[in-house]
Amino acid sequence: MPRYVVYINYINRNGSNVSTSSHLEASSESEAKRIVISKTNGRVTSATVKKEGN
């Protein structure tokens, strides 16, 4: 299964803007994005997915 990096910006419970990234295996870019967004505690304002190179 391919590995992806998902970069997200979100607003946390305190109202602060937060940027972070997650590395994970998923069957597609859209699945990787969906997984990360569903685990984020806050309102996601943007998400970018990139496939990791070997």
PDB file of N, CA and C in Angstrom:
ATOM      1  N   MET A   1       0.850  -1.170   0.000  1.00  0.00           N
ATOM      2  CA  MET A   1       0.000   0.000   0.000  1.00  0.00           C
ATOM      3  C   MET A   1       0.906   1.246   0.000  1.00  0.00           C
ATOM      4  N   PRO A   2       0.582   2.250  -0.796  1.00  0.00           N
ATOM      5  CA  PRO A   2       1.416   3.449  -0.869  1.00  0.00           C
ATOM      6  C   PRO A   2       1.358   4.273   0.418  1.00  0.00           C
ATOM      7  N   ARG A   3       2.441   5.021   0.651  1.00  0.00           N
ATOM      8  CA  ARG A   3       2.508   5.908   1.813  1.00  0.00           C
ATOM      9  C   ARG A   3       2.266   7.348   1.370  1.00  0.00           C
ATOM     10  N   TYR A   4       1.542   8.068   2.200  1.00  0.00           N
ATOM     11  CA  TYR A   4       1.211   9.456   1.906  1.00  0.00           C
ATOM     12  C   TYR A   4       1.573  10.348   3.093  1.00  0.00           C
ATOM     13  N   VAL A   5       1.810  11.617   2.785  1.00  0.00           N
ATOM     14  CA  VAL A   5       1.957  12.644   3.809  1.00  0.00           C
ATOM     15  C   VAL A   5       0.780  13.596   3.630  1.00  0.00           C
ATOM     16  N   VAL A   6       0.044  13.837   4.709  1.00  0.00           N
ATOM     17  CA  VAL A   6      -1.084  14.754   4.671  1.00  0.00           C
ATOM     18  C   VAL A   6      -0.732  15.962   5.533  1.00  0.00           C
ATOM     19  N   TYR A   7      -0.696  17.133   4.902  1.00  0.00           N
ATOM     20  CA  TYR A   7      -0.430  18.389   5.603  1.00  0.00           C
ATOM     21  C   TYR A   7      -1.771  19.056   5.859  1.00  0.00           C
ATOM     22  N   ILE A   8      -2.032  19.419   7.121  1.00  0.00           N
ATOM     23  CA  ILE A   8      -3.305  20.053   7.429  1.00  0.00           C
ATOM     24  C   ILE A   8      -3.110  21.331   8.240  1.00  0.00           C
ATOM     25  N   ASN A   9      -4.009  22.248   8.022  1.00  0.00           N
ATOM     26  CA  ASN A   9      -4.148  23.446   8.843  1.00  0.00           C
ATOM     27  C   ASN A   9      -5.535  23.356   9.458  1.00  0.00           C
ATOM     28  N   TYR A  10      -5.603  23.627  10.762  1.00  0.00           N
ATOM     29  CA  TYR A  10      -6.902  23.574  11.420  1.00  0.00           C
ATOM     30  C   TYR A  10      -6.950  24.537  12.586  1.00  0.00           C
ATOM     31  N   ILE A  11      -8.157  24.779  13.054  1.00  0.00           N
ATOM     32  CA  ILE A  11      -8.381  25.637  14.210  1.00  0.00           C
ATOM     33  C   ILE A  11      -8.733  24.707  15.370  1.00  0.00           C
ATOM     34  N   ASN A  12      -7.905  24.748  16.431  1.00  0.00           N
ATOM     35  CA  ASN A  12      -8.136  23.831  17.543  1.00  0.00           C
ATOM     36  C   ASN A  12      -9.215  24.361  18.479  1.00  0.00           C
ATOM     37  N   ARG A  13      -9.459  23.639  19.542  1.00  0.00           N
ATOM     38  CA  ARG A  13     -10.541  23.989  20.474  1.00  0.00           C
ATOM     39  C   ARG A  13     -10.317  25.333  21.163  1.00  0.00           C
ATOM     40  N   ASN A  14      -9.058  25.768  21.273  1.00  0.00           N
ATOM     41  CA  ASN A  14      -8.754  27.052  21.904  1.00  0.00           C
ATOM     42  C   ASN A  14      -8.873  28.217  20.929  1.00  0.00           C
ATOM     43  N   GLY A  15      -9.137  27.929  19.656  1.00  0.00           N
ATOM     44  CA  GLY A  15      -9.252  28.966  18.645  1.00  0.00           C
ATOM     45  C   GLY A  15      -7.946  29.312  17.963  1.00  0.00           C
ATOM     46  N   SER A  16      -6.885  28.551  18.249  1.00  0.00           N
ATOM     47  CA  SER A  16      -5.580  28.807  17.643  1.00  0.00           C
ATOM     48  C   SER A  16      -5.455  28.090  16.301  1.00  0.00           C
ATOM     49  N   ASN A  17      -4.727  28.707  15.368  1.00  0.00           N
ATOM     50  CA  ASN A  17      -4.435  28.062  14.093  1.00  0.00           C
ATOM     51  C   ASN A  17      -3.268  27.113  14.285  1.00  0.00           C
ATOM     52  N   VAL A  18      -3.394  25.903  13.793  1.00  0.00           N
ATOM     53  CA  VAL A  18      -2.378  24.870  13.968  1.00  0.00           C
ATOM     54  C   VAL A  18      -2.061  24.253  12.616  1.00  0.00           C
ATOM     55  N   SER A  19      -0.775  23.997  12.365  1.00  0.00           N
ATOM     56  CA  SER A  19      -0.334  23.287  11.160  1.00  0.00           C
ATOM     57  C   SER A  19       0.378  22.021  11.602  1.00  0.00           C
ATOM     58  N   THR A  20       0.091  20.923  10.931  1.00  0.00           N
ATOM     59  CA  THR A  20       0.754  19.667  11.262  1.00  0.00           C
ATOM     60  C   THR A  20       0.739  18.756  10.034  1.00  0.00           C
ATOM     61  N   SER A  21       1.437  17.646  10.143  1.00  0.00           N
ATOM     62  CA  SER A  21       1.428  16.665   9.062  1.00  0.00           C
ATOM     63  C   SER A  21       1.359  15.265   9.649  1.00  0.00           C
ATOM     64  N   SER A  22       0.843  14.340   8.863  1.00  0.00           N
ATOM     65  CA  SER A  22       0.738  12.947   9.259  1.00  0.00           C
ATOM     66  C   SER A  22       1.235  12.072   8.125  1.00  0.00           C
ATOM     67  N   HIS A  23       1.979  11.040   8.469  1.00  0.00           N
ATOM     68  CA  HIS A  23       2.461  10.052   7.507  1.00  0.00           C
ATOM     69  C   HIS A  23       1.638   8.788   7.716  1.00  0.00           C
ATOM     70  N   LEU A  24       1.091   8.244   6.635  1.00  0.00           N
ATOM     71  CA  LEU A  24       0.293   7.040   6.776  1.00  0.00           C
ATOM     72  C   LEU A  24       0.230   6.263   5.478  1.00  0.00           C
ATOM     73  N   GLU A  25      -0.196   5.007   5.592  1.00  0.00           N
ATOM     74  CA  GLU A  25      -0.437   4.162   4.429  1.00  0.00           C
ATOM     75  C   GLU A  25      -1.931   4.180   4.138  1.00  0.00           C
ATOM     76  N   ALA A  26      -2.263   4.310   2.866  1.00  0.00           N
ATOM     77  CA  ALA A  26      -3.666   4.305   2.452  1.00  0.00           C
ATOM     78  C   ALA A  26      -3.733   3.840   1.006  1.00  0.00           C
ATOM     79  N   SER A  27      -4.921   3.450   0.579  1.00  0.00           N
ATOM     80  CA  SER A  27      -5.074   2.950  -0.785  1.00  0.00           C
ATOM     81  C   SER A  27      -5.156   4.071  -1.812  1.00  0.00           C
ATOM     82  N   SER A  28      -5.466   5.309  -1.368  1.00  0.00           N
ATOM     83  CA  SER A  28      -5.555   6.429  -2.298  1.00  0.00           C
ATOM     84  C   SER A  28      -5.316   7.744  -1.546  1.00  0.00           C
ATOM     85  N   GLU A  29      -5.099   8.820  -2.323  1.00  0.00           N
ATOM     86  CA  GLU A  29      -4.922  10.139  -1.713  1.00  0.00           C
ATOM     87  C   GLU A  29      -6.174  10.564  -0.964  1.00  0.00           C
ATOM     88  N   SER A  30      -7.327  10.312  -1.550  1.00  0.00           N
ATOM     89  CA  SER A  30      -8.572  10.733  -0.899  1.00  0.00           C
ATOM     90  C   SER A  30      -8.816   9.974   0.401  1.00  0.00           C
ATOM     91  N   GLU A  31      -8.438   8.703   0.443  1.00  0.00           N
ATOM     92  CA  GLU A  31      -8.596   7.937   1.679  1.00  0.00           C
ATOM     93  C   GLU A  31      -7.642   8.468   2.752  1.00  0.00           C
ATOM     94  N   ALA A  32      -6.414   8.782   2.374  1.00  0.00           N
ATOM     95  CA  ALA A  32      -5.445   9.328   3.331  1.00  0.00           C
ATOM     96  C   ALA A  32      -5.964  10.633   3.920  1.00  0.00           C
ATOM     97  N   LYS A  33      -6.488  11.494   3.076  1.00  0.00           N
ATOM     98  CA  LYS A  33      -7.028  12.778   3.523  1.00  0.00           C
ATOM     99  C   LYS A  33      -8.221  12.568   4.455  1.00  0.00           C
ATOM    100  N   ARG A  34      -9.106  11.673   4.102  1.00  0.00           N
ATOM    101  CA  ARG A  34     -10.300  11.395   4.916  1.00  0.00           C
ATOM    102  C   ARG A  34      -9.912  10.877   6.300  1.00  0.00           C
ATOM    103  N   ILE A  35      -8.923   9.974   6.361  1.00  0.00           N
ATOM    104  CA  ILE A  35      -8.489   9.400   7.631  1.00  0.00           C
ATOM    105  C   ILE A  35      -7.934  10.481   8.552  1.00  0.00           C
ATOM    106  N   VAL A  36      -7.060  11.317   8.012  1.00  0.00           N
ATOM    107  CA  VAL A  36      -6.442  12.356   8.842  1.00  0.00           C
ATOM    108  C   VAL A  36      -7.463  13.380   9.309  1.00  0.00           C
ATOM    109  N   ILE A  37      -8.345  13.813   8.419  1.00  0.00           N
ATOM    110  CA  ILE A  37      -9.355  14.797   8.807  1.00  0.00           C
ATOM    111  C   ILE A  37     -10.274  14.231   9.885  1.00  0.00           C
ATOM    112  N   SER A  38     -10.626  12.961   9.788  1.00  0.00           N
ATOM    113  CA  SER A  38     -11.531  12.369  10.774  1.00  0.00           C
ATOM    114  C   SER A  38     -10.891  12.260  12.154  1.00  0.00           C
ATOM    115  N   LYS A  39      -9.555  12.211  12.229  1.00  0.00           N
ATOM    116  CA  LYS A  39      -8.854  12.098  13.513  1.00  0.00           C
ATOM    117  C   LYS A  39      -8.450  13.453  14.085  1.00  0.00           C
ATOM    118  N   THR A  40      -8.722  14.529  13.374  1.00  0.00           N
ATOM    119  CA  THR A  40      -8.313  15.857  13.813  1.00  0.00           C
ATOM    120  C   THR A  40      -9.358  16.464  14.740  1.00  0.00           C
ATOM    121  N   ASN A  41      -8.893  16.926  15.900  1.00  0.00           N
ATOM    122  CA  ASN A  41      -9.789  17.581  16.859  1.00  0.00           C
ATOM    123  C   ASN A  41      -9.790  19.076  16.584  1.00  0.00           C
ATOM    124  N   GLY A  42     -10.708  19.517  15.781  1.00  0.00           N
ATOM    125  CA  GLY A  42     -10.805  20.921  15.419  1.00  0.00           C
ATOM    126  C   GLY A  42     -11.406  21.054  14.034  1.00  0.00           C
ATOM    127  N   ARG A  43     -11.486  22.289  13.557  1.00  0.00           N
ATOM    128  CA  ARG A  43     -12.064  22.552  12.233  1.00  0.00           C
ATOM    129  C   ARG A  43     -10.944  22.667  11.218  1.00  0.00           C
ATOM    130  N   VAL A  44     -10.877  21.727  10.292  1.00  0.00           N
ATOM    131  CA  VAL A  44      -9.837  21.712   9.269  1.00  0.00           C
ATOM    132  C   VAL A  44     -10.120  22.814   8.254  1.00  0.00           C
ATOM    133  N   THR A  45      -9.104  23.670   8.014  1.00  0.00           N
ATOM    134  CA  THR A  45      -9.274  24.759   7.056  1.00  0.00           C
ATOM    135  C   THR A  45      -8.637  24.422   5.715  1.00  0.00           C
ATOM    136  N   SER A  46      -7.608  23.556   5.710  1.00  0.00           N
ATOM    137  CA  SER A  46      -7.029  23.096   4.443  1.00  0.00           C
ATOM    138  C   SER A  46      -6.288  21.788   4.658  1.00  0.00           C
ATOM    139  N   ALA A  47      -6.215  20.995   3.604  1.00  0.00           N
ATOM    140  CA  ALA A  47      -5.510  19.716   3.661  1.00  0.00           C
ATOM    141  C   ALA A  47      -4.875  19.447   2.293  1.00  0.00           C
ATOM    142  N   THR A  48      -3.613  19.062   2.327  1.00  0.00           N
ATOM    143  CA  THR A  48      -2.882  18.743   1.101  1.00  0.00           C
ATOM    144  C   THR A  48      -2.263  17.360   1.254  1.00  0.00           C
ATOM    145  N   VAL A  49      -2.357  16.547   0.212  1.00  0.00           N
ATOM    146  CA  VAL A  49      -1.836  15.193   0.252  1.00  0.00           C
ATOM    147  C   VAL A  49      -0.716  15.049  -0.778  1.00  0.00           C
ATOM    148  N   LYS A  50       0.377  14.418  -0.357  1.00  0.00           N
ATOM    149  CA  LYS A  50       1.472  14.112  -1.274  1.00  0.00           C
ATOM    150  C   LYS A  50       1.902  12.667  -1.069  1.00  0.00           C
ATOM    151  N   LYS A  51       2.221  12.013  -2.171  1.00  0.00           N
ATOM    152  CA  LYS A  51       2.705  10.646  -2.100  1.00  0.00           C
ATOM    153  C   LYS A  51       4.169  10.661  -1.724  1.00  0.00           C
ATOM    154  N   GLU A  52       4.560   9.807  -0.780  1.00  0.00           N
ATOM    155  CA  GLU A  52       5.961   9.726  -0.368  1.00  0.00           C
ATOM    156  C   GLU A  52       6.766   8.992  -1.434  1.00  0.00           C
ATOM    157  N   GLY A  53       7.946   9.486  -1.718  1.00  0.00           N
ATOM    158  CA  GLY A  53       8.836   8.825  -2.674  1.00  0.00           C
ATOM    159  C   GLY A  53       9.593   7.702  -1.996  1.00  0.00           C
ATOM    160  N   ASN A  54      10.113   6.788  -2.801  1.00  0.00           N
ATOM    161  CA  ASN A  54      10.873   5.655  -2.251  1.00  0.00           C
ATOM    162  C   ASN A  54      12.310   6.021  -2.050  1.00  0.00           C
TER     163      ASN A  54
END
